[in-house]
Amino acid sequence: MKLVIGLGNPGNDYKHTRHNIGFMALDTFISENGLSESGHKFKSQVFKGTVANETIIGIKPETFMNLSGEAVQAFAQFYKVPINNILVTYDDFELDYGQIRIRKKGSAGTHNGMKSIIQLLNSTDCPRMRLGIGPKPELYETKDFVLSNFTDKEMVEIALITKNASDAIVSWIEDGIDRCMNKYNGQ
């Protein structure tokens, strides 16, 4: 069993914000791979399916970004999923718009959702896929930038970006983290 987590903020007010690109990528993955919505559990919207003969649970925490770790910890404990079988997908304003960066482990950097996950899992060993939403303009406060909506031009490109992210998730499931990193990092 593997958990695929998309990070974002719940509600229509945040639907097209930069901070929600993790939700958008997970939505594309769910759609392309036939996962079915299976309700709500542990303060999250839950989707289940099978990809490459692997049971997959897709999770969209509804705790708001800064408390994402509560949902991830609950699922990991309930299903006894090893940390290396959890992939977290989220935004990164330090990466250029559309760029993908996948890592086996590491710090949270400036991302509060990932900080919450690391703190509650008590480990930096969680695989993650960061999706570029930057660069952040100099005069913007970080909070204002990540909570801003994508521009019309960026929204046109979002389908390609989330498709690449979905393909990278499938690669992680089928091929493992190393091959996935080699194939998708920098795209």
N, C-alpha and C. Protein backbone atom coordinates (compact mmCIF):
# COMPACT_ATOMS: atom_id res chain seq x y z
N MET A 1 0.84 -1.18 0.00
CA MET A 1 0.00 0.00 0.00
C MET A 1 0.89 1.24 0.00
N LYS A 2 0.45 2.24 -0.79
CA LYS A 2 1.14 3.51 -0.83
C LYS A 2 0.14 4.64 -0.65
N LEU A 3 0.59 5.68 0.04
CA LEU A 3 -0.21 6.89 0.23
C LEU A 3 0.33 7.98 -0.66
N VAL A 4 -0.55 8.64 -1.40
CA VAL A 4 -0.19 9.79 -2.22
C VAL A 4 -0.95 10.98 -1.65
N ILE A 5 -0.20 11.93 -1.13
CA ILE A 5 -0.79 13.08 -0.46
C ILE A 5 -0.66 14.31 -1.36
N GLY A 6 -1.75 15.00 -1.59
CA GLY A 6 -1.70 16.30 -2.26
C GLY A 6 -1.99 17.37 -1.22
N LEU A 7 -1.13 18.36 -1.12
CA LEU A 7 -1.35 19.41 -0.13
C LEU A 7 -2.02 20.62 -0.75
N GLY A 8 -2.88 21.25 0.05
CA GLY A 8 -3.59 22.45 -0.36
C GLY A 8 -4.48 22.90 0.76
N ASN A 9 -5.30 23.87 0.48
CA ASN A 9 -6.28 24.38 1.43
C ASN A 9 -7.67 24.06 0.91
N PRO A 10 -8.57 23.60 1.79
CA PRO A 10 -9.92 23.25 1.33
C PRO A 10 -10.76 24.49 1.04
N GLY A 11 -11.77 24.32 0.22
CA GLY A 11 -12.74 25.37 -0.04
C GLY A 11 -12.52 26.09 -1.35
N ASN A 12 -13.61 26.63 -1.89
CA ASN A 12 -13.57 27.30 -3.19
C ASN A 12 -12.71 28.55 -3.21
N ASP A 13 -12.57 29.22 -2.07
CA ASP A 13 -11.75 30.44 -2.02
C ASP A 13 -10.30 30.16 -2.38
N TYR A 14 -9.84 28.92 -2.17
CA TYR A 14 -8.44 28.57 -2.39
C TYR A 14 -8.22 27.70 -3.63
N LYS A 15 -9.30 27.35 -4.29
CA LYS A 15 -9.25 26.33 -5.35
C LYS A 15 -8.17 26.57 -6.41
N HIS A 16 -8.00 27.81 -6.86
CA HIS A 16 -7.04 28.09 -7.93
C HIS A 16 -5.83 28.87 -7.44
N THR A 17 -5.54 28.76 -6.14
CA THR A 17 -4.35 29.45 -5.62
C THR A 17 -3.11 28.61 -5.85
N ARG A 18 -1.99 29.28 -5.84
CA ARG A 18 -0.70 28.61 -6.04
C ARG A 18 -0.46 27.53 -4.98
N HIS A 19 -0.90 27.80 -3.76
CA HIS A 19 -0.69 26.86 -2.66
C HIS A 19 -1.43 25.54 -2.90
N ASN A 20 -2.38 25.51 -3.82
CA ASN A 20 -3.18 24.31 -4.05
C ASN A 20 -2.72 23.46 -5.23
N ILE A 21 -1.55 23.71 -5.75
CA ILE A 21 -1.10 22.91 -6.89
C ILE A 21 -0.91 21.44 -6.50
N GLY A 22 -0.66 21.16 -5.24
CA GLY A 22 -0.59 19.76 -4.78
C GLY A 22 -1.94 19.08 -4.91
N PHE A 23 -3.03 19.77 -4.54
CA PHE A 23 -4.38 19.24 -4.74
C PHE A 23 -4.63 19.02 -6.23
N MET A 24 -4.25 20.00 -7.06
CA MET A 24 -4.51 19.92 -8.50
C MET A 24 -3.78 18.73 -9.12
N ALA A 25 -2.53 18.51 -8.71
CA ALA A 25 -1.76 17.38 -9.24
C ALA A 25 -2.40 16.06 -8.81
N LEU A 26 -2.83 15.98 -7.55
CA LEU A 26 -3.49 14.76 -7.08
C LEU A 26 -4.80 14.53 -7.83
N ASP A 27 -5.55 15.59 -8.08
CA ASP A 27 -6.80 15.45 -8.85
C ASP A 27 -6.54 14.85 -10.23
N THR A 28 -5.48 15.31 -10.89
CA THR A 28 -5.14 14.77 -12.20
C THR A 28 -4.76 13.30 -12.09
N PHE A 29 -3.93 12.96 -11.11
CA PHE A 29 -3.54 11.56 -10.88
C PHE A 29 -4.77 10.69 -10.64
N ILE A 30 -5.68 11.16 -9.80
CA ILE A 30 -6.90 10.41 -9.48
C ILE A 30 -7.71 10.17 -10.75
N SER A 31 -7.90 11.20 -11.54
CA SER A 31 -8.68 11.11 -12.76
C SER A 31 -8.04 10.17 -13.78
N GLU A 32 -6.74 10.31 -13.98
CA GLU A 32 -6.05 9.50 -15.00
C GLU A 32 -5.90 8.04 -14.61
N ASN A 33 -5.97 7.73 -13.32
CA ASN A 33 -5.71 6.37 -12.87
C ASN A 33 -6.92 5.68 -12.24
N GLY A 34 -8.08 6.31 -12.38
CA GLY A 34 -9.32 5.66 -11.99
C GLY A 34 -9.51 5.43 -10.50
N LEU A 35 -8.91 6.26 -9.66
CA LEU A 35 -9.17 6.13 -8.23
C LEU A 35 -10.59 6.60 -7.95
N SER A 36 -11.22 6.00 -6.98
CA SER A 36 -12.60 6.34 -6.64
C SER A 36 -12.65 7.07 -5.31
N GLU A 37 -13.53 8.05 -5.24
CA GLU A 37 -13.69 8.75 -3.97
C GLU A 37 -14.30 7.78 -2.97
N SER A 38 -13.71 7.74 -1.79
CA SER A 38 -14.24 6.83 -0.77
C SER A 38 -14.59 7.58 0.52
N GLY A 39 -14.98 8.83 0.37
CA GLY A 39 -15.49 9.57 1.51
C GLY A 39 -14.44 10.38 2.24
N HIS A 40 -14.70 10.57 3.53
CA HIS A 40 -13.83 11.38 4.38
C HIS A 40 -13.37 10.56 5.57
N LYS A 41 -12.10 10.73 5.89
CA LYS A 41 -11.53 10.02 7.03
C LYS A 41 -10.35 10.84 7.52
N PHE A 42 -10.16 10.89 8.81
CA PHE A 42 -9.03 11.60 9.41
C PHE A 42 -8.89 13.02 8.86
N LYS A 43 -9.98 13.75 8.81
CA LYS A 43 -9.99 15.13 8.35
C LYS A 43 -9.45 15.27 6.93
N SER A 44 -9.81 14.32 6.07
CA SER A 44 -9.31 14.32 4.69
C SER A 44 -10.35 13.77 3.73
N GLN A 45 -10.24 14.21 2.49
CA GLN A 45 -11.00 13.60 1.40
C GLN A 45 -10.13 12.45 0.91
N VAL A 46 -10.74 11.28 0.74
CA VAL A 46 -9.97 10.06 0.48
C VAL A 46 -10.40 9.44 -0.85
N PHE A 47 -9.39 8.93 -1.58
CA PHE A 47 -9.61 8.26 -2.86
C PHE A 47 -8.82 6.95 -2.83
N LYS A 48 -9.41 5.90 -3.42
CA LYS A 48 -8.73 4.60 -3.40
C LYS A 48 -8.74 3.99 -4.79
N GLY A 49 -7.71 3.19 -5.05
CA GLY A 49 -7.61 2.49 -6.32
C GLY A 49 -6.38 1.63 -6.36
N THR A 50 -6.14 1.08 -7.54
CA THR A 50 -4.97 0.24 -7.76
C THR A 50 -4.22 0.78 -8.96
N VAL A 51 -2.92 0.94 -8.80
CA VAL A 51 -2.04 1.39 -9.88
C VAL A 51 -0.84 0.47 -9.89
N ALA A 52 -0.55 -0.15 -11.03
CA ALA A 52 0.58 -1.07 -11.16
C ALA A 52 0.53 -2.14 -10.07
N ASN A 53 -0.65 -2.72 -9.88
CA ASN A 53 -0.88 -3.78 -8.89
C ASN A 53 -0.59 -3.36 -7.46
N GLU A 54 -0.58 -2.06 -7.20
CA GLU A 54 -0.32 -1.52 -5.86
C GLU A 54 -1.57 -0.80 -5.38
N THR A 55 -2.00 -1.08 -4.15
CA THR A 55 -3.12 -0.37 -3.55
C THR A 55 -2.67 1.05 -3.25
N ILE A 56 -3.45 2.01 -3.75
CA ILE A 56 -3.11 3.42 -3.58
C ILE A 56 -4.24 4.13 -2.85
N ILE A 57 -3.88 4.92 -1.86
CA ILE A 57 -4.83 5.80 -1.20
C ILE A 57 -4.37 7.23 -1.47
N GLY A 58 -5.24 7.99 -2.15
CA GLY A 58 -4.99 9.40 -2.41
C GLY A 58 -5.65 10.22 -1.32
N ILE A 59 -4.92 11.18 -0.79
CA ILE A 59 -5.40 11.94 0.37
C ILE A 59 -5.27 13.43 0.12
N LYS A 60 -6.37 14.14 0.35
CA LYS A 60 -6.38 15.61 0.32
C LYS A 60 -6.78 16.08 1.72
N PRO A 61 -5.77 16.42 2.55
CA PRO A 61 -6.11 16.87 3.90
C PRO A 61 -7.00 18.10 3.86
N GLU A 62 -7.97 18.13 4.76
CA GLU A 62 -8.88 19.27 4.86
C GLU A 62 -8.60 20.07 6.14
N THR A 63 -7.39 19.96 6.62
CA THR A 63 -6.98 20.61 7.87
C THR A 63 -6.42 22.00 7.66
N PHE A 64 -6.37 22.47 6.44
CA PHE A 64 -5.62 23.64 6.03
C PHE A 64 -4.14 23.29 6.08
N MET A 65 -3.39 23.96 5.23
CA MET A 65 -2.01 23.61 4.94
C MET A 65 -1.14 23.40 6.18
N ASN A 66 -1.18 24.34 7.10
CA ASN A 66 -0.23 24.32 8.21
C ASN A 66 -0.44 23.16 9.19
N LEU A 67 -1.55 22.45 9.06
CA LEU A 67 -1.82 21.31 9.94
C LEU A 67 -1.88 19.99 9.16
N SER A 68 -1.31 19.95 7.98
CA SER A 68 -1.38 18.77 7.11
C SER A 68 -0.85 17.51 7.78
N GLY A 69 0.11 17.66 8.67
CA GLY A 69 0.70 16.51 9.33
C GLY A 69 -0.29 15.70 10.14
N GLU A 70 -1.34 16.35 10.66
CA GLU A 70 -2.34 15.63 11.44
C GLU A 70 -2.98 14.52 10.60
N ALA A 71 -3.36 14.85 9.38
CA ALA A 71 -4.00 13.86 8.50
C ALA A 71 -2.99 12.79 8.07
N VAL A 72 -1.80 13.21 7.65
CA VAL A 72 -0.81 12.26 7.16
C VAL A 72 -0.42 11.28 8.26
N GLN A 73 -0.19 11.77 9.46
CA GLN A 73 0.17 10.91 10.59
C GLN A 73 -0.95 9.90 10.87
N ALA A 74 -2.20 10.35 10.86
CA ALA A 74 -3.32 9.46 11.15
C ALA A 74 -3.40 8.31 10.13
N PHE A 75 -3.26 8.62 8.85
CA PHE A 75 -3.30 7.58 7.82
C PHE A 75 -2.11 6.64 7.93
N ALA A 76 -0.93 7.18 8.14
CA ALA A 76 0.28 6.35 8.24
C ALA A 76 0.16 5.37 9.41
N GLN A 77 -0.35 5.84 10.53
CA GLN A 77 -0.49 4.98 11.70
C GLN A 77 -1.61 3.96 11.51
N PHE A 78 -2.74 4.40 11.01
CA PHE A 78 -3.89 3.51 10.86
C PHE A 78 -3.58 2.36 9.90
N TYR A 79 -2.96 2.69 8.76
CA TYR A 79 -2.68 1.67 7.75
C TYR A 79 -1.29 1.05 7.90
N LYS A 80 -0.52 1.51 8.90
CA LYS A 80 0.83 1.00 9.15
C LYS A 80 1.70 1.08 7.89
N VAL A 81 1.66 2.24 7.25
CA VAL A 81 2.39 2.46 6.01
C VAL A 81 3.79 2.97 6.35
N PRO A 82 4.82 2.29 5.85
CA PRO A 82 6.19 2.79 6.07
C PRO A 82 6.36 4.16 5.43
N ILE A 83 7.19 4.98 6.02
CA ILE A 83 7.37 6.36 5.57
C ILE A 83 7.83 6.44 4.11
N ASN A 84 8.60 5.47 3.65
CA ASN A 84 9.07 5.52 2.26
C ASN A 84 7.97 5.14 1.27
N ASN A 85 6.78 4.75 1.76
CA ASN A 85 5.63 4.47 0.91
C ASN A 85 4.62 5.61 0.93
N ILE A 86 5.08 6.78 1.33
CA ILE A 86 4.25 7.98 1.36
C ILE A 86 4.90 9.01 0.45
N LEU A 87 4.14 9.56 -0.50
CA LEU A 87 4.64 10.63 -1.36
C LEU A 87 3.78 11.86 -1.14
N VAL A 88 4.43 12.97 -0.78
CA VAL A 88 3.74 14.22 -0.54
C VAL A 88 4.01 15.17 -1.71
N THR A 89 2.97 15.73 -2.29
CA THR A 89 3.08 16.64 -3.43
C THR A 89 2.61 18.02 -2.99
N TYR A 90 3.48 19.03 -3.22
CA TYR A 90 3.15 20.37 -2.75
C TYR A 90 3.87 21.44 -3.55
N ASP A 91 3.49 22.69 -3.31
CA ASP A 91 4.02 23.85 -4.02
C ASP A 91 5.37 24.29 -3.47
N ASP A 92 6.16 24.93 -4.34
CA ASP A 92 7.43 25.51 -3.92
C ASP A 92 7.65 26.80 -4.71
N PHE A 93 7.64 27.94 -4.01
CA PHE A 93 7.79 29.23 -4.69
C PHE A 93 9.24 29.52 -5.07
N GLU A 94 10.17 28.69 -4.61
CA GLU A 94 11.57 28.88 -4.98
C GLU A 94 11.93 28.16 -6.28
N LEU A 95 11.03 27.34 -6.79
CA LEU A 95 11.22 26.69 -8.09
C LEU A 95 10.44 27.46 -9.14
N ASP A 96 10.99 27.53 -10.33
CA ASP A 96 10.29 28.19 -11.43
C ASP A 96 8.97 27.48 -11.71
N TYR A 97 8.01 28.26 -12.19
CA TYR A 97 6.67 27.75 -12.46
C TYR A 97 6.74 26.51 -13.35
N GLY A 98 6.12 25.43 -12.87
CA GLY A 98 6.03 24.19 -13.63
C GLY A 98 7.16 23.21 -13.40
N GLN A 99 8.25 23.63 -12.79
CA GLN A 99 9.38 22.73 -12.56
C GLN A 99 9.02 21.70 -11.49
N ILE A 100 9.51 20.48 -11.66
CA ILE A 100 9.29 19.40 -10.70
C ILE A 100 10.61 19.07 -10.02
N ARG A 101 10.56 18.87 -8.72
CA ARG A 101 11.75 18.42 -7.98
C ARG A 101 11.29 17.35 -7.00
N ILE A 102 11.83 16.15 -7.15
CA ILE A 102 11.46 15.00 -6.32
C ILE A 102 12.66 14.64 -5.45
N ARG A 103 12.41 14.36 -4.19
CA ARG A 103 13.46 14.01 -3.24
C ARG A 103 13.02 12.83 -2.38
N LYS A 104 14.00 12.02 -1.96
CA LYS A 104 13.73 10.91 -1.05
C LYS A 104 13.43 11.40 0.35
N LYS A 105 14.11 12.46 0.74
CA LYS A 105 14.00 12.96 2.10
C LYS A 105 14.59 14.36 2.14
N GLY A 106 14.50 14.99 3.29
CA GLY A 106 15.10 16.30 3.45
C GLY A 106 14.28 17.19 4.36
N SER A 107 14.73 18.41 4.48
CA SER A 107 14.03 19.36 5.35
C SER A 107 12.78 19.87 4.65
N ALA A 108 11.99 20.61 5.39
CA ALA A 108 10.77 21.19 4.85
C ALA A 108 11.03 22.49 4.13
N GLY A 109 12.23 23.05 4.29
CA GLY A 109 12.49 24.37 3.73
C GLY A 109 11.55 25.37 4.37
N THR A 110 10.91 26.18 3.56
CA THR A 110 10.00 27.21 4.07
C THR A 110 8.54 26.77 4.08
N HIS A 111 8.27 25.52 3.73
CA HIS A 111 6.89 25.06 3.55
C HIS A 111 6.27 24.57 4.86
N ASN A 112 5.27 25.29 5.35
CA ASN A 112 4.67 24.96 6.64
C ASN A 112 3.89 23.65 6.64
N GLY A 113 3.29 23.29 5.52
CA GLY A 113 2.60 22.00 5.44
C GLY A 113 3.57 20.85 5.61
N MET A 114 4.70 20.94 4.94
CA MET A 114 5.72 19.89 5.05
C MET A 114 6.35 19.90 6.44
N LYS A 115 6.50 21.08 7.03
CA LYS A 115 7.02 21.15 8.41
C LYS A 115 6.10 20.38 9.35
N SER A 116 4.80 20.54 9.19
CA SER A 116 3.83 19.83 10.03
C SER A 116 3.95 18.32 9.84
N ILE A 117 4.11 17.88 8.61
CA ILE A 117 4.24 16.44 8.32
C ILE A 117 5.52 15.89 8.94
N ILE A 118 6.62 16.56 8.75
CA ILE A 118 7.90 16.10 9.32
C ILE A 118 7.82 16.04 10.84
N GLN A 119 7.23 17.06 11.44
CA GLN A 119 7.12 17.09 12.90
C GLN A 119 6.29 15.92 13.42
N LEU A 120 5.12 15.67 12.81
CA LEU A 120 4.24 14.63 13.34
C LEU A 120 4.66 13.22 12.94
N LEU A 121 5.36 13.06 11.82
CA LEU A 121 5.92 11.74 11.48
C LEU A 121 7.24 11.51 12.19
N ASN A 122 7.77 12.59 12.76
CA ASN A 122 9.05 12.55 13.46
C ASN A 122 10.18 12.03 12.57
N SER A 123 10.17 12.49 11.32
CA SER A 123 11.18 12.03 10.37
C SER A 123 11.24 12.98 9.17
N THR A 124 12.44 13.14 8.65
CA THR A 124 12.63 13.89 7.40
C THR A 124 12.75 12.95 6.20
N ASP A 125 12.47 11.66 6.41
CA ASP A 125 12.68 10.64 5.38
C ASP A 125 11.49 10.43 4.45
N CYS A 126 10.52 11.31 4.47
CA CYS A 126 9.33 11.16 3.65
C CYS A 126 9.60 11.64 2.23
N PRO A 127 9.39 10.78 1.21
CA PRO A 127 9.53 11.23 -0.18
C PRO A 127 8.57 12.37 -0.49
N ARG A 128 9.04 13.29 -1.33
CA ARG A 128 8.21 14.44 -1.67
C ARG A 128 8.45 14.90 -3.09
N MET A 129 7.41 15.49 -3.67
CA MET A 129 7.49 16.09 -4.99
C MET A 129 7.06 17.54 -4.86
N ARG A 130 8.00 18.44 -5.13
CA ARG A 130 7.71 19.86 -5.08
C ARG A 130 7.42 20.34 -6.49
N LEU A 131 6.39 21.16 -6.61
CA LEU A 131 5.98 21.70 -7.90
C LEU A 131 6.20 23.21 -7.88
N GLY A 132 6.96 23.70 -8.85
CA GLY A 132 7.32 25.11 -8.88
C GLY A 132 6.14 26.01 -9.17
N ILE A 133 6.02 27.05 -8.35
CA ILE A 133 4.99 28.08 -8.55
C ILE A 133 5.64 29.45 -8.65
N GLY A 134 6.95 29.50 -8.69
CA GLY A 134 7.68 30.77 -8.65
C GLY A 134 8.14 31.21 -10.02
N PRO A 135 9.02 32.21 -9.98
CA PRO A 135 9.62 32.80 -8.80
C PRO A 135 8.67 33.80 -8.14
N LYS A 136 8.82 33.93 -6.83
CA LYS A 136 8.02 34.89 -6.08
C LYS A 136 8.57 36.29 -6.35
N PRO A 137 7.71 37.21 -6.78
CA PRO A 137 8.18 38.59 -6.99
C PRO A 137 8.73 39.17 -5.69
N GLU A 138 9.77 39.98 -5.81
CA GLU A 138 10.45 40.53 -4.64
C GLU A 138 9.53 41.27 -3.69
N LEU A 139 8.59 42.02 -4.21
CA LEU A 139 7.76 42.86 -3.35
C LEU A 139 6.62 42.12 -2.68
N TYR A 140 6.39 40.86 -3.05
CA TYR A 140 5.32 40.07 -2.46
C TYR A 140 5.77 39.48 -1.12
N GLU A 141 4.86 39.48 -0.15
CA GLU A 141 5.05 38.66 1.04
C GLU A 141 4.78 37.22 0.64
N THR A 142 5.48 36.27 1.23
CA THR A 142 5.32 34.87 0.87
C THR A 142 3.86 34.43 0.97
N LYS A 143 3.21 34.75 2.09
CA LYS A 143 1.82 34.33 2.30
C LYS A 143 0.91 34.87 1.20
N ASP A 144 1.09 36.14 0.85
CA ASP A 144 0.25 36.74 -0.19
C ASP A 144 0.48 36.07 -1.54
N PHE A 145 1.73 35.73 -1.83
CA PHE A 145 2.05 35.11 -3.11
C PHE A 145 1.44 33.71 -3.22
N VAL A 146 1.67 32.86 -2.20
CA VAL A 146 1.19 31.48 -2.31
C VAL A 146 -0.34 31.40 -2.27
N LEU A 147 -0.97 32.40 -1.66
CA LEU A 147 -2.44 32.40 -1.61
C LEU A 147 -3.07 33.18 -2.76
N SER A 148 -2.24 33.67 -3.68
CA SER A 148 -2.77 34.35 -4.86
C SER A 148 -3.18 33.32 -5.91
N ASN A 149 -4.15 33.70 -6.74
CA ASN A 149 -4.60 32.83 -7.82
C ASN A 149 -3.57 32.82 -8.94
N PHE A 150 -3.53 31.70 -9.65
CA PHE A 150 -2.72 31.64 -10.86
C PHE A 150 -3.25 32.65 -11.87
N THR A 151 -2.37 33.19 -12.68
CA THR A 151 -2.81 34.09 -13.75
C THR A 151 -3.54 33.28 -14.81
N ASP A 152 -4.25 33.96 -15.70
CA ASP A 152 -4.94 33.27 -16.79
C ASP A 152 -3.95 32.48 -17.64
N LYS A 153 -2.80 33.08 -17.93
CA LYS A 153 -1.78 32.39 -18.73
C LYS A 153 -1.28 31.14 -18.02
N GLU A 154 -1.04 31.24 -16.72
CA GLU A 154 -0.58 30.08 -15.95
C GLU A 154 -1.65 28.99 -15.90
N MET A 155 -2.92 29.39 -15.81
CA MET A 155 -3.99 28.40 -15.76
C MET A 155 -4.07 27.59 -17.05
N VAL A 156 -3.72 28.21 -18.18
CA VAL A 156 -3.69 27.48 -19.45
C VAL A 156 -2.65 26.37 -19.40
N GLU A 157 -1.54 26.63 -18.72
CA GLU A 157 -0.43 25.67 -18.65
C GLU A 157 -0.60 24.64 -17.54
N ILE A 158 -1.54 24.84 -16.64
CA ILE A 158 -1.65 23.99 -15.45
C ILE A 158 -1.95 22.54 -15.81
N ALA A 159 -2.71 22.30 -16.87
CA ALA A 159 -3.04 20.92 -17.25
C ALA A 159 -1.78 20.13 -17.60
N LEU A 160 -0.85 20.75 -18.30
CA LEU A 160 0.41 20.07 -18.64
C LEU A 160 1.25 19.82 -17.39
N ILE A 161 1.29 20.79 -16.50
CA ILE A 161 2.08 20.65 -15.28
C ILE A 161 1.53 19.54 -14.40
N THR A 162 0.22 19.51 -14.22
CA THR A 162 -0.37 18.47 -13.37
C THR A 162 -0.31 17.10 -14.05
N LYS A 163 -0.32 17.07 -15.38
CA LYS A 163 -0.13 15.80 -16.10
C LYS A 163 1.27 15.26 -15.86
N ASN A 164 2.28 16.13 -15.95
CA ASN A 164 3.66 15.70 -15.66
C ASN A 164 3.78 15.19 -14.23
N ALA A 165 3.15 15.90 -13.30
CA ALA A 165 3.18 15.48 -11.90
C ALA A 165 2.49 14.12 -11.72
N SER A 166 1.36 13.93 -12.37
CA SER A 166 0.66 12.65 -12.31
C SER A 166 1.52 11.52 -12.86
N ASP A 167 2.17 11.77 -13.99
CA ASP A 167 3.07 10.76 -14.57
C ASP A 167 4.23 10.44 -13.62
N ALA A 168 4.73 11.46 -12.93
CA ALA A 168 5.81 11.24 -11.97
C ALA A 168 5.33 10.40 -10.79
N ILE A 169 4.10 10.60 -10.35
CA ILE A 169 3.55 9.78 -9.26
C ILE A 169 3.47 8.33 -9.71
N VAL A 170 3.00 8.09 -10.93
CA VAL A 170 2.94 6.72 -11.45
C VAL A 170 4.34 6.12 -11.52
N SER A 171 5.31 6.90 -11.96
CA SER A 171 6.69 6.42 -12.00
C SER A 171 7.19 6.05 -10.61
N TRP A 172 6.87 6.86 -9.62
CA TRP A 172 7.26 6.55 -8.23
C TRP A 172 6.66 5.21 -7.80
N ILE A 173 5.41 4.98 -8.15
CA ILE A 173 4.74 3.74 -7.78
C ILE A 173 5.37 2.55 -8.51
N GLU A 174 5.57 2.69 -9.83
CA GLU A 174 6.04 1.57 -10.65
C GLU A 174 7.54 1.33 -10.55
N ASP A 175 8.31 2.42 -10.55
CA ASP A 175 9.76 2.32 -10.73
C ASP A 175 10.57 2.59 -9.47
N GLY A 176 9.95 3.19 -8.47
CA GLY A 176 10.69 3.56 -7.27
C GLY A 176 11.19 5.00 -7.34
N ILE A 177 11.63 5.48 -6.21
CA ILE A 177 12.00 6.89 -6.09
C ILE A 177 13.22 7.26 -6.92
N ASP A 178 14.24 6.39 -6.98
CA ASP A 178 15.47 6.75 -7.70
C ASP A 178 15.22 6.96 -9.19
N ARG A 179 14.55 6.02 -9.82
CA ARG A 179 14.26 6.16 -11.25
C ARG A 179 13.32 7.32 -11.51
N CYS A 180 12.36 7.51 -10.61
CA CYS A 180 11.44 8.64 -10.74
C CYS A 180 12.21 9.96 -10.68
N MET A 181 13.12 10.09 -9.74
CA MET A 181 13.93 11.31 -9.63
C MET A 181 14.75 11.54 -10.90
N ASN A 182 15.39 10.49 -11.39
CA ASN A 182 16.22 10.62 -12.59
C ASN A 182 15.40 11.05 -13.80
N LYS A 183 14.18 10.59 -13.88
CA LYS A 183 13.34 10.89 -15.04
C LYS A 183 12.68 12.27 -14.97
N TYR A 184 12.26 12.69 -13.77
CA TYR A 184 11.41 13.89 -13.70
C TYR A 184 12.05 15.13 -13.08
N ASN A 185 13.13 14.98 -12.34
CA ASN A 185 13.70 16.17 -11.73
C ASN A 185 14.16 17.17 -12.79
N GLY A 186 13.76 18.40 -12.60
CA GLY A 186 14.15 19.46 -13.51
C GLY A 186 13.17 19.71 -14.64
N GLN A 187 12.19 18.82 -14.82
CA GLN A 187 11.21 19.04 -15.91
C GLN A 187 10.36 20.24 -15.62
